[in-house]
Amino acid sequence: MAATKHKVQPNKIHVKKGDYVMVISGKDAGKKGKVIDVIRKKGRVVVEKANMVKRHTKPSQSMPQGGIVSKEAPMASSNVMLYCQECKSVTRVSFKVTEEGKFRVCKHCGETLPDKH
């Protein structure tokens, strides 16, 4: 029987695309940025200007010179935490249900977090 890799539970990621987050661990700890992409199957997120890697590209029509390009690589979603811009700190969220709908709320200051994509 072949050994299998540990599987990540893909159904629950605490941040959404467009959220403003802070990297809390790893080489980019302390950096802040927007979530560009969420990869639910692997439990990973892509944060702008964090976890930059160099990519060697062949010449193509869009880039006839080719060369080395810097781009963001996915990181584990556990390495990022939602950042509240009202109280200027990382936070967990609670949910508030009203007649308008269900909203995410900062645990520290009670401010409704923006839900933009």
N, C-alpha and C. Protein backbone atom coordinates (compact mmCIF):
# COMPACT_ATOMS: atom_id res chain seq x y z
N MET A 1 0.84 -1.18 0.00
CA MET A 1 0.00 0.00 0.00
C MET A 1 0.89 1.25 0.00
N ALA A 2 0.60 2.16 -0.89
CA ALA A 2 1.42 3.38 -1.03
C ALA A 2 1.08 4.38 0.06
N ALA A 3 2.11 5.10 0.52
CA ALA A 3 1.90 6.12 1.54
C ALA A 3 1.23 7.34 0.90
N THR A 4 0.27 7.92 1.61
CA THR A 4 -0.42 9.10 1.09
C THR A 4 0.00 10.33 1.89
N LYS A 5 -0.06 11.47 1.24
CA LYS A 5 0.26 12.71 1.94
C LYS A 5 -0.90 13.11 2.82
N HIS A 6 -0.59 13.90 3.83
CA HIS A 6 -1.61 14.43 4.72
C HIS A 6 -2.55 15.33 3.94
N LYS A 7 -3.84 15.13 4.07
CA LYS A 7 -4.81 15.94 3.34
C LYS A 7 -5.34 17.06 4.21
N VAL A 8 -5.42 18.24 3.65
CA VAL A 8 -5.93 19.42 4.34
C VAL A 8 -7.45 19.46 4.17
N GLN A 9 -8.16 19.85 5.23
CA GLN A 9 -9.61 19.98 5.12
C GLN A 9 -9.92 21.22 4.28
N PRO A 10 -10.44 21.05 3.06
CA PRO A 10 -10.59 22.20 2.16
C PRO A 10 -11.85 23.02 2.38
N ASN A 11 -12.76 22.56 3.21
CA ASN A 11 -14.07 23.20 3.25
C ASN A 11 -14.13 24.45 4.12
N LYS A 12 -13.11 24.77 4.89
CA LYS A 12 -13.21 25.89 5.82
C LYS A 12 -11.95 26.73 5.79
N ILE A 13 -12.01 27.88 5.11
CA ILE A 13 -10.91 28.85 5.13
C ILE A 13 -11.48 30.14 5.69
N HIS A 14 -10.79 30.74 6.65
CA HIS A 14 -11.32 31.86 7.42
C HIS A 14 -11.23 33.20 6.73
N VAL A 15 -10.59 33.28 5.57
CA VAL A 15 -10.51 34.55 4.84
C VAL A 15 -11.12 34.38 3.45
N LYS A 16 -11.52 35.51 2.87
CA LYS A 16 -12.12 35.51 1.54
C LYS A 16 -11.25 36.30 0.59
N LYS A 17 -11.49 36.13 -0.70
CA LYS A 17 -10.81 36.92 -1.71
C LYS A 17 -11.20 38.39 -1.52
N GLY A 18 -10.20 39.26 -1.48
CA GLY A 18 -10.45 40.68 -1.29
C GLY A 18 -10.26 41.15 0.15
N ASP A 19 -10.13 40.23 1.11
CA ASP A 19 -9.90 40.61 2.50
C ASP A 19 -8.51 41.21 2.67
N TYR A 20 -8.37 42.10 3.64
CA TYR A 20 -7.08 42.68 4.00
C TYR A 20 -6.54 41.86 5.16
N VAL A 21 -5.37 41.25 4.98
CA VAL A 21 -4.82 40.34 5.98
C VAL A 21 -3.39 40.73 6.34
N MET A 22 -2.91 40.16 7.45
CA MET A 22 -1.52 40.29 7.86
C MET A 22 -0.93 38.88 7.93
N VAL A 23 0.30 38.73 7.42
CA VAL A 23 1.00 37.46 7.51
C VAL A 23 1.55 37.36 8.92
N ILE A 24 1.21 36.28 9.65
CA ILE A 24 1.61 36.16 11.06
C ILE A 24 2.77 35.20 11.28
N SER A 25 3.15 34.42 10.25
CA SER A 25 4.29 33.52 10.43
C SER A 25 4.98 33.29 9.09
N GLY A 26 6.22 32.85 9.17
CA GLY A 26 6.99 32.61 7.96
C GLY A 26 7.94 33.75 7.67
N LYS A 27 8.54 33.71 6.48
CA LYS A 27 9.56 34.71 6.14
C LYS A 27 8.99 36.10 5.95
N ASP A 28 7.70 36.22 5.66
CA ASP A 28 7.07 37.52 5.44
C ASP A 28 6.20 37.97 6.61
N ALA A 29 6.48 37.48 7.81
CA ALA A 29 5.66 37.82 8.98
C ALA A 29 5.64 39.34 9.18
N GLY A 30 4.44 39.88 9.38
CA GLY A 30 4.29 41.31 9.60
C GLY A 30 3.84 42.07 8.36
N LYS A 31 3.93 41.47 7.18
CA LYS A 31 3.49 42.14 5.96
C LYS A 31 1.97 42.11 5.88
N LYS A 32 1.42 43.18 5.31
CA LYS A 32 -0.03 43.28 5.13
C LYS A 32 -0.35 43.37 3.65
N GLY A 33 -1.50 42.85 3.26
CA GLY A 33 -1.92 42.94 1.86
C GLY A 33 -3.27 42.32 1.65
N LYS A 34 -3.78 42.46 0.43
CA LYS A 34 -5.08 41.91 0.07
C LYS A 34 -4.94 40.48 -0.39
N VAL A 35 -5.96 39.67 -0.13
CA VAL A 35 -5.99 38.30 -0.62
C VAL A 35 -6.37 38.34 -2.10
N ILE A 36 -5.47 37.85 -2.95
CA ILE A 36 -5.71 37.84 -4.39
C ILE A 36 -6.51 36.62 -4.80
N ASP A 37 -6.19 35.47 -4.19
CA ASP A 37 -6.83 34.22 -4.59
C ASP A 37 -6.90 33.28 -3.39
N VAL A 38 -7.94 32.45 -3.35
CA VAL A 38 -8.10 31.43 -2.32
C VAL A 38 -8.17 30.08 -3.03
N ILE A 39 -7.28 29.16 -2.64
CA ILE A 39 -7.25 27.81 -3.22
C ILE A 39 -7.80 26.86 -2.16
N ARG A 40 -9.09 26.63 -2.20
CA ARG A 40 -9.75 25.87 -1.14
C ARG A 40 -9.31 24.41 -1.07
N LYS A 41 -9.07 23.78 -2.21
CA LYS A 41 -8.70 22.37 -2.22
C LYS A 41 -7.40 22.10 -1.48
N LYS A 42 -6.48 23.08 -1.53
CA LYS A 42 -5.18 22.91 -0.88
C LYS A 42 -5.07 23.68 0.42
N GLY A 43 -6.09 24.46 0.78
CA GLY A 43 -6.06 25.24 2.01
C GLY A 43 -5.04 26.36 1.97
N ARG A 44 -4.90 27.01 0.80
CA ARG A 44 -3.88 28.03 0.62
C ARG A 44 -4.48 29.34 0.12
N VAL A 45 -3.76 30.43 0.37
CA VAL A 45 -4.17 31.75 -0.10
C VAL A 45 -2.98 32.44 -0.76
N VAL A 46 -3.28 33.36 -1.67
CA VAL A 46 -2.25 34.17 -2.32
C VAL A 46 -2.47 35.61 -1.85
N VAL A 47 -1.44 36.19 -1.22
CA VAL A 47 -1.53 37.55 -0.68
C VAL A 47 -0.61 38.45 -1.52
N GLU A 48 -1.12 39.65 -1.88
CA GLU A 48 -0.31 40.52 -2.72
C GLU A 48 0.96 40.97 -1.99
N LYS A 49 2.07 40.98 -2.71
CA LYS A 49 3.39 41.39 -2.23
C LYS A 49 3.89 40.59 -1.02
N ALA A 50 3.42 39.36 -0.88
CA ALA A 50 3.92 38.47 0.18
C ALA A 50 4.26 37.11 -0.44
N ASN A 51 5.27 36.46 0.08
CA ASN A 51 5.74 35.17 -0.42
C ASN A 51 6.12 35.26 -1.89
N MET A 52 6.93 36.28 -2.22
CA MET A 52 7.36 36.48 -3.61
C MET A 52 8.40 35.43 -3.99
N VAL A 53 8.26 34.89 -5.21
CA VAL A 53 9.22 33.93 -5.75
C VAL A 53 9.66 34.39 -7.13
N LYS A 54 10.82 33.95 -7.54
CA LYS A 54 11.34 34.27 -8.88
C LYS A 54 10.93 33.16 -9.83
N ARG A 55 10.43 33.54 -10.99
CA ARG A 55 10.00 32.57 -11.99
C ARG A 55 10.76 32.84 -13.28
N HIS A 56 11.46 31.83 -13.78
CA HIS A 56 12.20 31.97 -15.03
C HIS A 56 11.25 31.64 -16.17
N THR A 57 11.02 32.61 -17.06
CA THR A 57 10.05 32.42 -18.14
C THR A 57 10.74 32.39 -19.49
N LYS A 58 10.21 31.55 -20.36
CA LYS A 58 10.70 31.49 -21.73
C LYS A 58 10.16 32.68 -22.51
N PRO A 59 10.82 33.07 -23.57
CA PRO A 59 10.27 34.14 -24.41
C PRO A 59 8.91 33.72 -24.99
N SER A 60 7.98 34.65 -25.00
CA SER A 60 6.66 34.41 -25.58
C SER A 60 6.24 35.66 -26.33
N GLN A 61 5.06 35.64 -26.94
CA GLN A 61 4.60 36.82 -27.68
C GLN A 61 4.34 37.98 -26.74
N SER A 62 3.79 37.69 -25.56
CA SER A 62 3.50 38.77 -24.62
C SER A 62 4.78 39.31 -23.98
N MET A 63 5.80 38.46 -23.86
CA MET A 63 7.08 38.86 -23.27
C MET A 63 8.21 38.32 -24.15
N PRO A 64 8.53 39.02 -25.26
CA PRO A 64 9.49 38.47 -26.23
C PRO A 64 10.90 38.30 -25.67
N GLN A 65 11.25 39.06 -24.63
CA GLN A 65 12.59 38.97 -24.07
C GLN A 65 12.75 37.74 -23.18
N GLY A 66 11.66 37.32 -22.51
CA GLY A 66 11.78 36.25 -21.52
C GLY A 66 12.41 36.84 -20.27
N GLY A 67 12.94 36.01 -19.40
CA GLY A 67 13.66 36.51 -18.25
C GLY A 67 13.11 36.03 -16.92
N ILE A 68 13.48 36.74 -15.86
CA ILE A 68 13.09 36.36 -14.51
C ILE A 68 11.98 37.29 -14.04
N VAL A 69 10.87 36.71 -13.61
CA VAL A 69 9.71 37.47 -13.18
C VAL A 69 9.43 37.16 -11.72
N SER A 70 9.15 38.18 -10.91
CA SER A 70 8.75 37.96 -9.52
C SER A 70 7.24 37.87 -9.44
N LYS A 71 6.73 36.89 -8.70
CA LYS A 71 5.29 36.75 -8.54
C LYS A 71 4.98 36.18 -7.16
N GLU A 72 3.72 36.33 -6.75
CA GLU A 72 3.30 35.83 -5.45
C GLU A 72 3.02 34.33 -5.55
N ALA A 73 3.46 33.59 -4.54
CA ALA A 73 3.19 32.16 -4.47
C ALA A 73 2.16 31.91 -3.37
N PRO A 74 1.40 30.82 -3.48
CA PRO A 74 0.42 30.51 -2.43
C PRO A 74 1.11 30.18 -1.11
N MET A 75 0.43 30.51 0.00
CA MET A 75 0.91 30.15 1.33
C MET A 75 -0.24 29.53 2.10
N ALA A 76 0.06 28.82 3.15
CA ALA A 76 -0.96 28.18 3.96
C ALA A 76 -1.88 29.23 4.57
N SER A 77 -3.17 28.96 4.58
CA SER A 77 -4.13 29.95 5.10
C SER A 77 -3.95 30.16 6.60
N SER A 78 -3.32 29.20 7.28
CA SER A 78 -3.08 29.36 8.71
C SER A 78 -2.00 30.39 9.00
N ASN A 79 -1.23 30.80 7.98
CA ASN A 79 -0.17 31.79 8.16
C ASN A 79 -0.68 33.21 8.07
N VAL A 80 -1.95 33.41 7.75
CA VAL A 80 -2.49 34.77 7.65
C VAL A 80 -3.65 34.94 8.63
N MET A 81 -3.85 36.19 9.03
CA MET A 81 -4.94 36.52 9.94
C MET A 81 -5.59 37.81 9.46
N LEU A 82 -6.89 37.89 9.57
CA LEU A 82 -7.64 39.05 9.13
C LEU A 82 -7.19 40.29 9.89
N TYR A 83 -7.05 41.42 9.17
CA TYR A 83 -6.57 42.66 9.76
C TYR A 83 -7.70 43.68 9.73
N CYS A 84 -8.06 44.20 10.91
CA CYS A 84 -9.10 45.22 11.02
C CYS A 84 -8.45 46.58 10.86
N GLN A 85 -8.88 47.35 9.87
CA GLN A 85 -8.27 48.66 9.63
C GLN A 85 -8.83 49.73 10.56
N GLU A 86 -9.92 49.44 11.26
CA GLU A 86 -10.48 50.40 12.22
C GLU A 86 -9.65 50.42 13.51
N CYS A 87 -9.39 49.23 14.07
CA CYS A 87 -8.63 49.17 15.33
C CYS A 87 -7.15 48.86 15.10
N LYS A 88 -6.73 48.75 13.82
CA LYS A 88 -5.32 48.56 13.45
C LYS A 88 -4.68 47.35 14.12
N SER A 89 -5.40 46.22 14.11
CA SER A 89 -4.84 45.00 14.69
C SER A 89 -5.40 43.77 13.98
N VAL A 90 -4.70 42.66 14.16
CA VAL A 90 -5.22 41.40 13.63
C VAL A 90 -6.35 40.94 14.52
N THR A 91 -7.32 40.25 13.94
CA THR A 91 -8.50 39.91 14.70
C THR A 91 -9.14 38.62 14.20
N ARG A 92 -9.93 38.04 15.06
CA ARG A 92 -10.82 36.97 14.65
C ARG A 92 -12.17 37.62 14.36
N VAL A 93 -13.08 36.86 13.80
CA VAL A 93 -14.38 37.45 13.46
C VAL A 93 -15.51 36.73 14.19
N SER A 94 -16.55 37.49 14.46
CA SER A 94 -17.81 36.91 14.90
C SER A 94 -18.83 37.31 13.85
N PHE A 95 -19.99 36.74 13.92
CA PHE A 95 -21.02 37.03 12.93
C PHE A 95 -22.20 37.69 13.59
N LYS A 96 -22.77 38.68 12.93
CA LYS A 96 -23.96 39.37 13.42
C LYS A 96 -25.04 39.20 12.36
N VAL A 97 -26.18 38.69 12.79
CA VAL A 97 -27.28 38.47 11.86
C VAL A 97 -28.34 39.54 12.12
N THR A 98 -28.70 40.28 11.06
CA THR A 98 -29.75 41.29 11.14
C THR A 98 -30.74 41.03 10.02
N GLU A 99 -31.74 41.90 9.92
CA GLU A 99 -32.70 41.71 8.84
C GLU A 99 -32.09 41.97 7.46
N GLU A 100 -30.97 42.73 7.40
CA GLU A 100 -30.29 42.97 6.13
C GLU A 100 -29.46 41.76 5.69
N GLY A 101 -29.05 40.92 6.64
CA GLY A 101 -28.25 39.75 6.30
C GLY A 101 -27.26 39.41 7.40
N LYS A 102 -26.28 38.59 7.04
CA LYS A 102 -25.27 38.12 7.98
C LYS A 102 -23.97 38.86 7.69
N PHE A 103 -23.37 39.46 8.72
CA PHE A 103 -22.17 40.26 8.56
C PHE A 103 -21.05 39.75 9.45
N ARG A 104 -19.80 39.91 8.98
CA ARG A 104 -18.63 39.58 9.79
C ARG A 104 -18.27 40.81 10.62
N VAL A 105 -17.98 40.58 11.91
CA VAL A 105 -17.72 41.67 12.84
C VAL A 105 -16.38 41.43 13.53
N CYS A 106 -15.59 42.50 13.71
CA CYS A 106 -14.30 42.43 14.40
C CYS A 106 -14.55 42.09 15.87
N LYS A 107 -13.77 41.15 16.42
CA LYS A 107 -13.91 40.75 17.82
C LYS A 107 -13.44 41.84 18.78
N HIS A 108 -12.50 42.71 18.33
CA HIS A 108 -11.95 43.73 19.22
C HIS A 108 -12.83 44.96 19.32
N CYS A 109 -13.14 45.57 18.15
CA CYS A 109 -13.83 46.86 18.18
C CYS A 109 -15.31 46.74 17.84
N GLY A 110 -15.78 45.59 17.36
CA GLY A 110 -17.19 45.43 17.05
C GLY A 110 -17.60 46.04 15.71
N GLU A 111 -16.62 46.51 14.93
CA GLU A 111 -16.91 47.14 13.63
C GLU A 111 -17.19 46.08 12.59
N THR A 112 -18.16 46.35 11.71
CA THR A 112 -18.47 45.43 10.61
C THR A 112 -17.33 45.45 9.60
N LEU A 113 -16.85 44.27 9.24
CA LEU A 113 -15.75 44.17 8.28
C LEU A 113 -16.27 44.29 6.87
N PRO A 114 -15.52 44.97 6.00
CA PRO A 114 -16.00 45.14 4.62
C PRO A 114 -16.06 43.79 3.91
N ASP A 115 -17.09 43.61 3.11
CA ASP A 115 -17.29 42.34 2.40
C ASP A 115 -17.23 42.61 0.91
N LYS A 116 -16.09 43.12 0.44
CA LYS A 116 -15.94 43.43 -0.98
C LYS A 116 -15.06 42.42 -1.67
N HIS A 117 -15.37 42.18 -2.92
CA HIS A 117 -14.57 41.22 -3.70
C HIS A 117 -14.00 41.92 -4.91
